[in-house]
Amino acid sequence: MLAPGGYVQLGFQVGDEPRRMTEAWDLEVSLVFHRRQPERVAELLRDAGLDVVSRVWRERETDGPFPERAPQGFVLARRPVVSGGCEDGDISATD
């Protein structure tokens, strides 16, 4: 549960198609990397009632021991603060 005013940040590989791997570091594996578009992730967060604060897309890192195969996406969103006494996180109902 995300408290009113709380933030969530999602990080993911950017793309349209999943990437399947059957081998990694000389081992047999069964991995599927589900890639997403930042705008689509932002849309889903808005549909869930969150306010999107930021969308970032960065190119993949190709240097180092573990080069990335896809660009990276990040979306920061915030749950709105509800007026009427729920700002402190108390969501109990009163009649």
Protein backbone atom coordinates (compact mmCIF):
# COMPACT_ATOMS: atom_id res chain seq x y z
CA MET A 1 0.00 0.00 0.00
CA LEU A 2 1.27 3.44 -0.89
CA ALA A 3 0.46 6.11 1.69
CA PRO A 4 -1.16 9.37 0.56
CA GLY A 5 1.64 11.61 -0.66
CA GLY A 6 3.96 8.60 -1.06
CA TYR A 7 6.15 8.06 -4.09
CA VAL A 8 6.84 5.00 -6.22
CA GLN A 9 9.65 4.70 -8.77
CA LEU A 10 9.68 1.96 -11.39
CA GLY A 11 12.71 0.98 -13.42
CA PHE A 12 12.50 -1.23 -16.50
CA GLN A 13 14.02 -2.07 -19.86
CA VAL A 14 12.59 -0.02 -22.71
CA GLY A 15 11.23 -1.82 -25.75
CA ASP A 16 8.18 -3.34 -27.38
CA GLU A 17 9.02 -7.03 -27.53
CA PRO A 18 10.02 -9.45 -24.76
CA ARG A 19 13.54 -10.87 -24.84
CA ARG A 20 13.90 -14.57 -24.10
CA MET A 21 17.12 -16.14 -22.88
CA THR A 22 17.90 -19.85 -22.68
CA GLU A 23 21.57 -19.51 -21.74
CA ALA A 24 23.49 -17.14 -19.48
CA TRP A 25 27.09 -17.46 -18.31
CA ASP A 26 27.27 -20.99 -19.76
CA LEU A 27 24.20 -22.07 -17.76
CA GLU A 28 20.82 -23.17 -19.05
CA VAL A 29 18.17 -20.67 -17.98
CA SER A 30 14.60 -19.78 -18.78
CA LEU A 31 14.28 -15.99 -18.59
CA VAL A 32 11.87 -13.56 -20.20
CA PHE A 33 12.57 -9.83 -19.99
CA HIS A 34 9.33 -7.90 -20.49
CA ARG A 35 10.22 -4.53 -21.93
CA ARG A 36 7.93 -1.53 -21.72
CA GLN A 37 7.58 1.98 -23.11
CA PRO A 38 7.83 4.78 -20.49
CA GLU A 39 4.65 6.46 -21.74
CA ARG A 40 2.70 3.20 -21.36
CA VAL A 41 3.98 2.68 -17.81
CA ALA A 42 3.04 6.29 -16.99
CA GLU A 43 -0.44 5.71 -18.46
CA LEU A 44 -0.96 2.62 -16.29
CA LEU A 45 0.12 4.53 -13.18
CA ARG A 46 -2.28 7.38 -14.02
CA ASP A 47 -5.06 4.82 -14.57
CA ALA A 48 -4.31 3.51 -11.06
CA GLY A 49 -4.92 7.00 -9.66
CA LEU A 50 -1.32 8.15 -9.27
CA ASP A 51 0.13 11.45 -10.43
CA VAL A 52 3.12 10.96 -12.74
CA VAL A 53 5.96 13.23 -11.68
CA SER A 54 8.75 12.23 -14.07
CA ARG A 55 9.60 9.93 -17.00
CA VAL A 56 13.22 9.26 -17.90
CA TRP A 57 14.69 7.23 -20.74
CA ARG A 58 18.42 6.67 -20.92
CA GLU A 59 20.50 4.87 -23.49
CA ARG A 60 21.97 1.52 -22.59
CA GLU A 61 25.39 1.26 -20.98
CA THR A 62 27.74 -0.64 -23.28
CA ASP A 63 30.91 -0.52 -21.18
CA GLY A 64 31.86 -2.56 -18.15
CA PRO A 65 31.54 -6.23 -17.28
CA PHE A 66 27.74 -6.34 -17.77
CA PRO A 67 26.77 -4.28 -20.84
CA GLU A 68 23.06 -3.58 -21.11
CA ARG A 69 21.13 -4.82 -24.12
CA ALA A 70 18.30 -2.28 -23.98
CA PRO A 71 17.71 1.33 -23.00
CA GLN A 72 16.49 1.85 -19.43
CA GLY A 73 13.28 3.61 -18.42
CA PHE A 74 12.25 5.11 -15.09
CA VAL A 75 8.89 6.53 -14.04
CA LEU A 76 8.30 8.39 -10.76
CA ALA A 77 4.72 8.75 -9.55
CA ARG A 78 3.00 9.99 -6.39
CA ARG A 79 -0.22 9.02 -4.69
CA PRO A 80 -2.33 12.17 -4.27
CA VAL A 81 -2.91 13.51 -0.79
CA VAL A 82 -6.59 13.07 0.05
CA SER A 83 -8.33 15.98 1.70
CA GLY A 84 -10.65 15.35 4.62
CA GLY A 85 -8.35 13.92 7.25
CA CYS A 86 -6.40 11.25 5.40
CA GLU A 87 -3.18 13.23 5.07
CA ASP A 88 -1.66 11.41 8.04
CA GLY A 89 -2.32 8.02 6.48
CA ASP A 90 -5.44 7.25 8.53
CA ILE A 91 -7.85 5.72 6.05
CA SER A 92 -10.42 4.47 8.57
CA ALA A 93 -14.02 5.31 7.67
CA THR A 94 -16.26 7.28 10.00
CA ASP A 95 -20.01 7.82 9.71
